[in-house]
């Protein structure tokens, strides 16, 4: 598989989840492992540019595919507008859900560069934040939408 644009190979157990492969084998700890039930969304990454909960995907199933993590949003030392939006609009408190929220938000903005509040809320509906009440997350995504349109991860 290619992770954040870099080809990776290795031998793994067939039952290894993608979230554990990313964290434990590749050291990409920005992808959080939260609930063990695919309900929280803290583990969202992109599989071939589509957001997926990496706790529901076997690492072996990602073989031959592109996987992008929150670490791949930053490019050449510059944060993605979504990352800057979360900082500017206080879109996080404890930060546990933040990587998954950012990956989902970036995917939304890549499909729809000017989403309504309702469209943002619908996009993040599969993710749980126990701290913010979501208002600051929505503002963060709106801020990012005002700053920039679409871009490829790592560019």
N, C-alpha and C. Protein backbone atom coordinates (compact mmCIF):
# COMPACT_ATOMS: atom_id res chain seq x y z
N UNK A 1 0.85 -1.18 0.00
CA UNK A 1 0.00 0.00 0.00
C UNK A 1 0.89 1.23 0.00
N UNK A 2 0.31 2.32 -0.35
CA UNK A 2 1.00 3.61 -0.30
C UNK A 2 0.34 4.41 0.82
N UNK A 3 1.14 4.84 1.81
CA UNK A 3 0.62 5.60 2.94
C UNK A 3 1.21 7.00 2.88
N UNK A 4 0.33 7.98 2.77
CA UNK A 4 0.74 9.38 2.64
C UNK A 4 1.76 9.53 1.51
N UNK A 5 1.53 8.79 0.43
CA UNK A 5 2.37 8.90 -0.75
C UNK A 5 3.62 8.05 -0.73
N UNK A 6 3.86 7.31 0.34
CA UNK A 6 5.06 6.49 0.45
C UNK A 6 4.68 5.01 0.40
N UNK A 7 5.33 4.27 -0.47
CA UNK A 7 5.08 2.83 -0.59
C UNK A 7 5.57 2.12 0.67
N UNK A 8 4.70 1.28 1.27
CA UNK A 8 5.09 0.48 2.42
C UNK A 8 4.74 -0.98 2.16
N UNK A 9 5.57 -1.86 2.62
CA UNK A 9 5.32 -3.29 2.50
C UNK A 9 5.68 -3.95 3.82
N UNK A 10 5.16 -5.14 4.01
CA UNK A 10 5.50 -5.87 5.22
C UNK A 10 4.63 -7.09 5.37
N UNK A 11 5.04 -7.96 6.26
CA UNK A 11 4.25 -9.16 6.57
C UNK A 11 3.48 -8.87 7.85
N UNK A 12 2.19 -9.16 7.81
CA UNK A 12 1.34 -8.89 8.96
C UNK A 12 0.38 -10.05 9.16
N UNK A 13 -0.19 -10.12 10.33
CA UNK A 13 -1.27 -11.08 10.58
C UNK A 13 -2.49 -10.67 9.79
N UNK A 14 -3.22 -11.63 9.28
CA UNK A 14 -4.41 -11.35 8.48
C UNK A 14 -5.49 -10.61 9.24
N UNK A 15 -5.50 -10.72 10.55
CA UNK A 15 -6.55 -10.08 11.35
C UNK A 15 -6.18 -8.68 11.84
N UNK A 16 -4.99 -8.19 11.48
CA UNK A 16 -4.54 -6.88 11.94
C UNK A 16 -5.38 -5.77 11.31
N UNK A 17 -5.92 -4.90 12.16
CA UNK A 17 -6.72 -3.78 11.67
C UNK A 17 -5.82 -2.67 11.14
N UNK A 18 -6.34 -1.94 10.17
CA UNK A 18 -5.57 -0.85 9.57
C UNK A 18 -5.15 0.17 10.62
N UNK A 19 -6.01 0.50 11.56
CA UNK A 19 -5.66 1.47 12.60
C UNK A 19 -4.43 1.02 13.38
N UNK A 20 -4.33 -0.26 13.68
CA UNK A 20 -3.18 -0.77 14.42
C UNK A 20 -1.93 -0.83 13.53
N UNK A 21 -2.11 -1.15 12.26
CA UNK A 21 -0.97 -1.15 11.35
C UNK A 21 -0.38 0.25 11.26
N UNK A 22 -1.23 1.25 11.10
CA UNK A 22 -0.75 2.64 10.99
C UNK A 22 -0.05 3.07 12.26
N UNK A 23 -0.64 2.81 13.40
CA UNK A 23 -0.09 3.26 14.68
C UNK A 23 1.12 2.44 15.12
N UNK A 24 0.96 1.12 15.13
CA UNK A 24 1.97 0.26 15.75
C UNK A 24 3.11 -0.14 14.81
N UNK A 25 2.82 -0.27 13.53
CA UNK A 25 3.85 -0.69 12.58
C UNK A 25 4.52 0.49 11.89
N UNK A 26 3.75 1.54 11.63
CA UNK A 26 4.30 2.69 10.91
C UNK A 26 4.56 3.90 11.81
N UNK A 27 4.09 3.87 13.04
CA UNK A 27 4.31 4.98 13.97
C UNK A 27 3.51 6.22 13.66
N UNK A 28 2.44 6.06 12.88
CA UNK A 28 1.57 7.20 12.55
C UNK A 28 0.46 7.29 13.60
N UNK A 29 0.79 7.89 14.72
CA UNK A 29 -0.11 7.89 15.87
C UNK A 29 -1.16 9.01 15.82
N UNK A 30 -1.19 9.77 14.75
CA UNK A 30 -2.25 10.77 14.60
C UNK A 30 -3.61 10.11 14.42
N UNK A 31 -3.63 8.91 13.87
CA UNK A 31 -4.87 8.16 13.75
C UNK A 31 -5.17 7.56 15.11
N UNK A 32 -6.26 7.99 15.72
CA UNK A 32 -6.58 7.54 17.07
C UNK A 32 -7.48 6.32 17.05
N UNK A 33 -7.31 5.49 18.05
CA UNK A 33 -8.12 4.29 18.23
C UNK A 33 -8.97 4.53 19.46
N UNK A 34 -10.29 4.61 19.25
CA UNK A 34 -11.13 5.07 20.33
C UNK A 34 -12.09 4.07 20.93
N UNK A 35 -12.98 3.52 20.14
CA UNK A 35 -14.13 2.86 20.75
C UNK A 35 -14.18 1.36 20.59
N UNK A 36 -13.46 0.81 19.66
CA UNK A 36 -13.50 -0.63 19.39
C UNK A 36 -14.83 -1.08 18.77
N UNK A 37 -15.71 -0.17 18.43
CA UNK A 37 -17.02 -0.55 17.90
C UNK A 37 -17.38 0.20 16.62
N UNK A 38 -16.49 0.97 16.08
CA UNK A 38 -16.66 1.78 14.86
C UNK A 38 -17.69 2.90 15.03
N UNK A 39 -17.93 3.31 16.25
CA UNK A 39 -18.92 4.36 16.49
C UNK A 39 -18.32 5.75 16.62
N UNK A 40 -17.07 5.87 17.08
CA UNK A 40 -16.58 7.20 17.45
C UNK A 40 -15.98 8.00 16.29
N UNK A 41 -15.36 7.34 15.31
CA UNK A 41 -14.80 8.06 14.16
C UNK A 41 -13.43 8.67 14.39
N UNK A 42 -12.82 8.44 15.56
CA UNK A 42 -11.50 9.00 15.82
C UNK A 42 -10.44 8.42 14.89
N UNK A 43 -10.73 7.26 14.28
CA UNK A 43 -9.75 6.56 13.46
C UNK A 43 -9.92 6.80 11.96
N UNK A 44 -10.69 7.80 11.57
CA UNK A 44 -10.94 8.02 10.15
C UNK A 44 -9.64 8.37 9.41
N UNK A 45 -9.43 7.64 8.32
CA UNK A 45 -8.35 7.89 7.36
C UNK A 45 -9.01 7.83 5.99
N UNK A 46 -8.22 8.10 4.95
CA UNK A 46 -8.74 7.95 3.59
C UNK A 46 -8.20 6.67 3.00
N UNK A 47 -9.06 5.92 2.37
CA UNK A 47 -8.68 4.76 1.57
C UNK A 47 -9.09 5.10 0.14
N UNK A 48 -8.09 5.29 -0.70
CA UNK A 48 -8.34 5.75 -2.08
C UNK A 48 -9.20 7.01 -2.09
N UNK A 49 -8.84 7.96 -1.22
CA UNK A 49 -9.45 9.29 -1.12
C UNK A 49 -10.86 9.29 -0.53
N UNK A 50 -11.32 8.17 -0.02
CA UNK A 50 -12.63 8.10 0.63
C UNK A 50 -12.43 7.90 2.13
N UNK A 51 -13.12 8.70 2.96
CA UNK A 51 -12.99 8.51 4.40
C UNK A 51 -13.53 7.15 4.83
N UNK A 52 -12.75 6.45 5.63
CA UNK A 52 -13.17 5.17 6.21
C UNK A 52 -12.73 5.14 7.67
N UNK A 53 -13.45 4.38 8.46
CA UNK A 53 -13.04 4.15 9.84
C UNK A 53 -12.03 3.01 9.80
N UNK A 54 -10.79 3.32 10.12
CA UNK A 54 -9.71 2.35 9.96
C UNK A 54 -9.80 1.19 10.95
N UNK A 55 -10.70 1.27 11.91
CA UNK A 55 -10.93 0.14 12.81
C UNK A 55 -11.85 -0.88 12.19
N UNK A 56 -12.39 -0.58 11.00
CA UNK A 56 -13.28 -1.52 10.31
C UNK A 56 -12.63 -2.14 9.08
N UNK A 57 -11.37 -1.79 8.84
CA UNK A 57 -10.67 -2.26 7.65
C UNK A 57 -9.46 -3.08 8.09
N UNK A 58 -9.35 -4.28 7.55
CA UNK A 58 -8.15 -5.07 7.81
C UNK A 58 -7.00 -4.44 7.03
N UNK A 59 -5.83 -4.41 7.63
CA UNK A 59 -4.66 -3.83 6.96
C UNK A 59 -4.41 -4.53 5.63
N UNK A 60 -4.59 -5.83 5.59
CA UNK A 60 -4.37 -6.58 4.35
C UNK A 60 -5.31 -6.13 3.23
N UNK A 61 -6.50 -5.68 3.60
CA UNK A 61 -7.46 -5.20 2.59
C UNK A 61 -6.99 -3.90 1.95
N UNK A 62 -6.10 -3.18 2.61
CA UNK A 62 -5.60 -1.91 2.07
C UNK A 62 -4.42 -2.14 1.12
N UNK A 63 -3.97 -3.38 1.01
CA UNK A 63 -2.88 -3.68 0.10
C UNK A 63 -3.23 -3.25 -1.32
N UNK A 64 -2.29 -2.57 -1.97
CA UNK A 64 -2.52 -2.09 -3.33
C UNK A 64 -3.32 -0.81 -3.41
N UNK A 65 -3.64 -0.22 -2.29
CA UNK A 65 -4.45 1.00 -2.24
C UNK A 65 -3.66 2.15 -1.65
N UNK A 66 -4.22 3.35 -1.79
CA UNK A 66 -3.66 4.56 -1.19
C UNK A 66 -4.35 4.82 0.13
N UNK A 67 -3.56 5.03 1.17
CA UNK A 67 -4.08 5.37 2.49
C UNK A 67 -3.49 6.72 2.86
N UNK A 68 -4.33 7.63 3.30
CA UNK A 68 -3.86 8.94 3.76
C UNK A 68 -4.33 9.14 5.18
N UNK A 69 -3.42 9.66 6.01
CA UNK A 69 -3.70 9.92 7.42
C UNK A 69 -3.60 11.42 7.69
N UNK A 70 -3.94 11.81 8.88
CA UNK A 70 -3.89 13.22 9.25
C UNK A 70 -2.49 13.79 9.09
N UNK A 71 -1.46 12.95 9.27
CA UNK A 71 -0.09 13.42 9.08
C UNK A 71 0.15 13.87 7.64
N UNK A 72 -0.61 13.31 6.70
CA UNK A 72 -0.45 13.66 5.30
C UNK A 72 -1.13 14.96 4.90
N UNK A 73 -1.92 15.56 5.79
CA UNK A 73 -2.57 16.84 5.45
C UNK A 73 -1.55 17.97 5.35
N UNK A 74 -0.59 17.97 6.23
CA UNK A 74 0.46 19.00 6.24
C UNK A 74 1.37 18.76 5.04
N UNK A 75 1.74 19.83 4.37
CA UNK A 75 2.61 19.71 3.18
C UNK A 75 3.70 20.76 3.23
N UNK A 76 4.93 20.31 3.08
CA UNK A 76 6.09 21.21 3.03
C UNK A 76 6.12 22.17 4.22
N UNK A 77 5.79 21.65 5.39
CA UNK A 77 5.83 22.47 6.60
C UNK A 77 4.64 23.40 6.78
N UNK A 78 3.66 23.31 5.88
CA UNK A 78 2.49 24.19 5.96
C UNK A 78 1.25 23.36 6.28
N UNK A 79 0.53 23.79 7.30
CA UNK A 79 -0.69 23.09 7.68
C UNK A 79 -1.78 23.30 6.63
N UNK A 80 -2.61 22.29 6.48
CA UNK A 80 -3.78 22.37 5.62
C UNK A 80 -4.74 23.41 6.20
N UNK A 81 -5.54 24.07 5.37
CA UNK A 81 -6.53 25.02 5.90
C UNK A 81 -7.44 24.42 6.96
N UNK A 82 -7.76 23.14 6.84
CA UNK A 82 -8.59 22.50 7.86
C UNK A 82 -7.85 22.48 9.19
N UNK A 83 -6.58 22.13 9.18
CA UNK A 83 -5.80 22.13 10.41
C UNK A 83 -5.70 23.54 10.99
N UNK A 84 -5.47 24.52 10.14
CA UNK A 84 -5.40 25.91 10.61
C UNK A 84 -6.75 26.37 11.14
N UNK A 85 -7.83 25.92 10.50
CA UNK A 85 -9.18 26.29 10.95
C UNK A 85 -9.48 25.76 12.34
N UNK A 86 -9.05 24.52 12.62
CA UNK A 86 -9.27 23.96 13.95
C UNK A 86 -8.51 24.75 15.00
N UNK A 87 -7.34 25.28 14.61
CA UNK A 87 -6.58 26.12 15.55
C UNK A 87 -7.25 27.48 15.71
N UNK A 88 -7.60 28.11 14.59
CA UNK A 88 -8.13 29.47 14.62
C UNK A 88 -9.49 29.56 15.30
N UNK A 89 -10.30 28.53 15.15
CA UNK A 89 -11.68 28.57 15.66
C UNK A 89 -11.90 27.65 16.86
N UNK A 90 -10.81 27.19 17.44
CA UNK A 90 -10.88 26.36 18.65
C UNK A 90 -11.77 25.13 18.43
N UNK A 91 -11.52 24.43 17.31
CA UNK A 91 -12.31 23.26 16.95
C UNK A 91 -11.95 22.01 17.72
N UNK A 92 -11.17 22.17 18.76
CA UNK A 92 -10.82 21.01 19.56
C UNK A 92 -10.71 21.42 21.02
N UNK A 93 -10.91 20.45 21.87
CA UNK A 93 -10.63 20.65 23.29
C UNK A 93 -9.65 19.58 23.71
N UNK A 94 -10.11 18.35 23.92
CA UNK A 94 -9.15 17.31 24.31
C UNK A 94 -8.32 16.86 23.12
N UNK A 95 -8.85 16.97 21.91
CA UNK A 95 -8.12 16.64 20.69
C UNK A 95 -8.24 15.20 20.25
N UNK A 96 -8.93 14.36 21.00
CA UNK A 96 -8.96 12.95 20.64
C UNK A 96 -9.69 12.69 19.32
N UNK A 97 -10.79 13.35 19.09
CA UNK A 97 -11.56 13.15 17.87
C UNK A 97 -11.00 13.95 16.69
N UNK A 98 -10.12 14.88 16.97
CA UNK A 98 -9.69 15.88 15.99
C UNK A 98 -9.10 15.29 14.70
N UNK A 99 -8.19 14.32 14.75
CA UNK A 99 -7.65 13.80 13.48
C UNK A 99 -8.74 13.24 12.56
N UNK A 100 -9.65 12.46 13.12
CA UNK A 100 -10.74 11.92 12.30
C UNK A 100 -11.65 13.01 11.77
N UNK A 101 -11.93 14.00 12.62
CA UNK A 101 -12.76 15.13 12.18
C UNK A 101 -12.09 15.88 11.03
N UNK A 102 -10.77 16.10 11.16
CA UNK A 102 -10.04 16.82 10.10
C UNK A 102 -10.05 16.05 8.79
N UNK A 103 -9.87 14.75 8.85
CA UNK A 103 -9.86 13.95 7.62
C UNK A 103 -11.24 13.97 6.96
N UNK A 104 -12.27 13.90 7.77
CA UNK A 104 -13.63 13.95 7.24
C UNK A 104 -13.92 15.34 6.66
N UNK A 105 -13.50 16.38 7.36
CA UNK A 105 -13.72 17.75 6.89
C UNK A 105 -12.99 18.01 5.58
N UNK A 106 -11.74 17.57 5.49
CA UNK A 106 -10.96 17.78 4.25
C UNK A 106 -11.63 17.07 3.08
N UNK A 107 -12.12 15.84 3.32
CA UNK A 107 -12.81 15.10 2.26
C UNK A 107 -14.08 15.84 1.82
N UNK A 108 -14.81 16.38 2.79
CA UNK A 108 -16.00 17.16 2.46
C UNK A 108 -15.64 18.36 1.60
N UNK A 109 -14.63 19.11 2.01
CA UNK A 109 -14.26 20.31 1.27
C UNK A 109 -13.70 19.98 -0.11
N UNK A 110 -13.09 18.82 -0.26
CA UNK A 110 -12.61 18.42 -1.58
C UNK A 110 -13.78 18.12 -2.52
N UNK A 111 -14.89 17.64 -1.97
CA UNK A 111 -16.09 17.36 -2.78
C UNK A 111 -16.98 18.61 -2.93
N UNK A 112 -17.00 19.42 -1.88
CA UNK A 112 -17.90 20.57 -1.83
C UNK A 112 -17.16 21.72 -1.15
N UNK A 113 -16.53 22.60 -1.93
CA UNK A 113 -15.70 23.65 -1.32
C UNK A 113 -16.48 24.72 -0.54
N UNK A 114 -17.80 24.73 -0.65
CA UNK A 114 -18.60 25.72 0.07
C UNK A 114 -19.81 25.06 0.72
N UNK A 115 -19.58 24.18 1.70
CA UNK A 115 -20.71 23.48 2.31
C UNK A 115 -21.50 24.36 3.26
N UNK A 116 -22.78 24.09 3.36
CA UNK A 116 -23.62 24.76 4.35
C UNK A 116 -23.35 24.17 5.72
N UNK A 117 -23.84 24.83 6.75
CA UNK A 117 -23.69 24.29 8.10
C UNK A 117 -24.31 22.91 8.19
N UNK A 118 -25.48 22.74 7.59
CA UNK A 118 -26.16 21.44 7.62
C UNK A 118 -25.33 20.37 6.91
N UNK A 119 -24.68 20.71 5.80
CA UNK A 119 -23.85 19.74 5.09
C UNK A 119 -22.62 19.36 5.91
N UNK A 120 -22.06 20.31 6.62
CA UNK A 120 -20.92 20.01 7.49
C UNK A 120 -21.37 19.07 8.60
N UNK A 121 -22.48 19.41 9.23
CA UNK A 121 -22.98 18.57 10.32
C UNK A 121 -23.32 17.16 9.84
N UNK A 122 -23.85 17.05 8.65
CA UNK A 122 -24.17 15.73 8.08
C UNK A 122 -22.87 14.95 7.84
N UNK A 123 -21.84 15.62 7.34
CA UNK A 123 -20.57 14.95 7.04
C UNK A 123 -19.91 14.40 8.31
N UNK A 124 -19.99 15.13 9.41
CA UNK A 124 -19.33 14.69 10.64
C UNK A 124 -20.27 13.90 11.56
N UNK A 125 -21.46 13.59 11.10
CA UNK A 125 -22.45 12.91 11.93
C UNK A 125 -21.99 11.54 12.40
N UNK A 126 -21.10 10.89 11.69
CA UNK A 126 -20.62 9.58 12.09
C UNK A 126 -19.47 9.62 13.06
N UNK A 127 -19.20 10.79 13.63
CA UNK A 127 -18.08 10.94 14.54
C UNK A 127 -18.57 11.55 15.85
N UNK A 128 -17.92 11.15 16.92
CA UNK A 128 -18.33 11.60 18.24
C UNK A 128 -17.27 12.53 18.82
N UNK A 129 -17.74 13.68 19.31
CA UNK A 129 -16.91 14.58 20.09
C UNK A 129 -17.63 14.78 21.41
N UNK A 130 -16.94 14.48 22.48
CA UNK A 130 -17.57 14.59 23.79
C UNK A 130 -17.24 15.90 24.48
N UNK A 131 -16.48 16.77 23.82
CA UNK A 131 -16.01 17.99 24.48
C UNK A 131 -16.62 19.28 23.92
N UNK A 132 -16.71 19.40 22.61
CA UNK A 132 -16.94 20.72 22.02
C UNK A 132 -18.39 21.10 21.79
N UNK A 133 -19.29 20.14 21.69
CA UNK A 133 -20.65 20.48 21.31
C UNK A 133 -20.79 20.73 19.82
N UNK A 134 -19.73 20.51 19.06
CA UNK A 134 -19.68 20.56 17.60
C UNK A 134 -19.73 21.96 16.99
N UNK A 135 -20.19 22.97 17.70
CA UNK A 135 -20.30 24.31 17.12
C UNK A 135 -18.93 24.83 16.66
N UNK A 136 -17.92 24.63 17.48
CA UNK A 136 -16.59 25.12 17.10
C UNK A 136 -15.98 24.28 15.98
N UNK A 137 -16.35 23.03 15.90
CA UNK A 137 -15.88 22.19 14.79
C UNK A 137 -16.50 22.69 13.49
N UNK A 138 -17.78 22.97 13.50
CA UNK A 138 -18.46 23.49 12.30
C UNK A 138 -17.83 24.82 11.88
N UNK A 139 -17.58 25.71 12.85
CA UNK A 139 -16.93 26.99 12.53
C UNK A 139 -15.54 26.77 11.94
N UNK A 140 -14.83 25.79 12.43
CA UNK A 140 -13.49 25.49 11.92
C UNK A 140 -13.54 25.07 10.46
N UNK A 141 -14.51 24.25 10.12
CA UNK A 141 -14.65 23.79 8.72
C UNK A 141 -15.10 24.96 7.84
N UNK A 142 -15.98 25.78 8.34
CA UNK A 142 -16.40 26.97 7.58
C UNK A 142 -15.22 27.90 7.34
N UNK A 143 -14.38 28.09 8.34
CA UNK A 143 -13.18 28.93 8.21
C UNK A 143 -12.29 28.35 7.12
N UNK A 144 -12.06 27.03 7.16
CA UNK A 144 -11.21 26.38 6.15
C UNK A 144 -11.80 26.54 4.76
N UNK A 145 -13.11 26.46 4.64
CA UNK A 145 -13.76 26.61 3.33
C UNK A 145 -13.52 28.01 2.78
N UNK A 146 -13.50 29.00 3.65
CA UNK A 146 -13.26 30.37 3.20
C UNK A 146 -11.81 30.59 2.78
N UNK A 147 -10.89 29.78 3.30
CA UNK A 147 -9.46 29.98 3.05
C UNK A 147 -8.96 29.33 1.77
N UNK A 148 -9.47 28.12 1.48
CA UNK A 148 -8.91 27.39 0.34
C UNK A 148 -9.87 26.33 -0.15
N UNK A 149 -9.68 25.95 -1.38
CA UNK A 149 -10.49 24.91 -1.98
C UNK A 149 -9.85 23.55 -1.83
N UNK A 150 -9.87 22.79 -2.88
CA UNK A 150 -9.38 21.42 -2.85
C UNK A 150 -7.89 21.36 -3.09
N UNK A 151 -7.29 20.26 -2.65
CA UNK A 151 -5.89 19.98 -2.94
C UNK A 151 -5.62 18.52 -2.65
N UNK A 152 -4.58 18.00 -3.24
CA UNK A 152 -4.17 16.61 -2.99
C UNK A 152 -3.41 16.57 -1.67
N UNK A 153 -3.56 15.47 -0.89
CA UNK A 153 -2.76 15.35 0.33
C UNK A 153 -1.28 15.38 -0.02
N UNK A 154 -0.50 16.02 0.80
CA UNK A 154 0.93 16.08 0.59
C UNK A 154 1.35 17.10 -0.47
N UNK A 155 0.40 17.88 -0.99
CA UNK A 155 0.77 18.90 -1.99
C UNK A 155 0.37 20.28 -1.54
